[in-house]
Every structure is written in structure tokens, then in C-alpha cells.
């Protein structure tokens, strides 16, 4: 019983560590992607507005 408890604990600790690393990386990628999309939309809007006269 003790060994299975410790192995479960190790699995949980490892999963938590990977989740934190993966979660942060994903969040930063999503934020970068959103920022890029907003920047592109803003540039497109400014170009459209300038061409509109």
C-alpha cells in the first residue's frame, strides 16, 4: 500500500510540474498570438482608414 501511495504521489507531482510548465508556455503563446492578431487588425484598419480618405 505504501509503495503505491508513493508512486501515485510521484505521478501527481510530475503531472503538476508538467502542467505548470505547459500551461504557462501555452498561455504565453496564446497571449502572443492574440497580441499579434490585434496588431495586424489595427494595422489593417489604419491602412483601410488612410486609403478611405
C-alpha atoms as a PDB file:
ATOM      1  CA  UNK A   1       0.000   0.000   0.000  1.00  0.00           C
ATOM      2  CA  UNK A   2       2.825   2.339   0.927  1.00  0.00           C
ATOM      3  CA  UNK A   3       4.653   1.882  -2.381  1.00  0.00           C
ATOM      4  CA  UNK A   4       1.524   2.539  -4.467  1.00  0.00           C
ATOM      5  CA  UNK A   5       0.857   5.680  -2.406  1.00  0.00           C
ATOM      6  CA  UNK A   6       4.364   6.983  -3.048  1.00  0.00           C
ATOM      7  CA  UNK A   7       4.171   6.175  -6.776  1.00  0.00           C
ATOM      8  CA  UNK A   8       0.829   7.995  -7.001  1.00  0.00           C
ATOM      9  CA  UNK A   9       2.389  10.955  -5.215  1.00  0.00           C
ATOM     10  CA  UNK A  10       5.307  10.984  -7.663  1.00  0.00           C
ATOM     11  CA  UNK A  11       2.939  10.792 -10.637  1.00  0.00           C
ATOM     12  CA  UNK A  12       0.868  13.665  -9.275  1.00  0.00           C
ATOM     13  CA  UNK A  13       3.940  15.788  -8.538  1.00  0.00           C
ATOM     14  CA  UNK A  14       5.325  15.137 -12.031  1.00  0.00           C
ATOM     15  CA  UNK A  15       1.969  15.869 -13.674  1.00  0.00           C
ATOM     16  CA  UNK A  16       1.628  19.089 -11.686  1.00  0.00           C
ATOM     17  CA  UNK A  17       5.126  20.203 -12.704  1.00  0.00           C
ATOM     18  CA  UNK A  18       4.484  19.446 -16.369  1.00  0.00           C
ATOM     19  CA  UNK A  19       1.076  21.129 -16.221  1.00  0.00           C
ATOM     20  CA  UNK A  20       2.585  24.313 -14.777  1.00  0.00           C
ATOM     21  CA  UNK A  21       5.312  24.383 -17.430  1.00  0.00           C
ATOM     22  CA  UNK A  22       2.966  23.515 -20.303  1.00  0.00           C
ATOM     23  CA  UNK A  23       0.213  25.799 -19.026  1.00  0.00           C
ATOM     24  CA  UNK A  24       2.491  28.810 -18.756  1.00  0.00           C
ATOM     25  CA  UNK A  25       4.009  28.174 -22.169  1.00  0.00           C
ATOM     26  CA  UNK A  26       0.571  27.798 -23.739  1.00  0.00           C
ATOM     27  CA  UNK A  27      -0.708  30.940 -22.033  1.00  0.00           C
ATOM     28  CA  UNK A  28       2.249  32.977 -23.272  1.00  0.00           C
ATOM     29  CA  UNK A  29       1.801  31.624 -26.811  1.00  0.00           C
ATOM     30  CA  UNK A  30      -1.913  32.442 -26.743  1.00  0.00           C
ATOM     31  CA  UNK A  31      -1.214  35.957 -25.475  1.00  0.00           C
ATOM     32  CA  UNK A  32       1.475  36.475 -28.111  1.00  0.00           C
ATOM     33  CA  UNK A  33      -0.869  35.207 -30.812  1.00  0.00           C
ATOM     34  CA  UNK A  34      -3.688  37.444 -29.609  1.00  0.00           C
ATOM     35  CA  UNK A  35      -1.344  40.439 -29.479  1.00  0.00           C
ATOM     36  CA  UNK A  36      -0.126  39.699 -32.999  1.00  0.00           C
ATOM     37  CA  UNK A  37      -3.704  39.335 -34.271  1.00  0.00           C
ATOM     38  CA  UNK A  38      -4.744  42.606 -32.628  1.00  0.00           C
ATOM     39  CA  UNK A  39      -1.665  44.346 -34.037  1.00  0.00           C
ATOM     40  CA  UNK A  40      -2.368  43.028 -37.536  1.00  0.00           C
ATOM     41  CA  UNK A  41      -6.019  44.068 -37.312  1.00  0.00           C
ATOM     42  CA  UNK A  42      -5.001  47.518 -36.098  1.00  0.00           C
ATOM     43  CA  UNK A  43      -2.517  47.945 -38.956  1.00  0.00           C
ATOM     44  CA  UNK A  44      -5.128  46.751 -41.455  1.00  0.00           C
ATOM     45  CA  UNK A  45      -7.681  49.186 -40.036  1.00  0.00           C
ATOM     46  CA  UNK A  46      -5.217  52.095 -40.160  1.00  0.00           C
ATOM     47  CA  UNK A  47      -4.321  51.266 -43.778  1.00  0.00           C
ATOM     48  CA  UNK A  48      -8.022  50.988 -44.668  1.00  0.00           C
ATOM     49  CA  UNK A  49      -8.772  54.267 -42.879  1.00  0.00           C
ATOM     50  CA  UNK A  50      -5.896  56.033 -44.675  1.00  0.00           C
ATOM     51  CA  UNK A  51      -7.000  54.723 -48.080  1.00  0.00           C
ATOM     52  CA  UNK A  52     -10.601  55.658 -47.390  1.00  0.00           C
ATOM     53  CA  UNK A  53      -9.661  59.331 -47.448  1.00  0.00           C
END
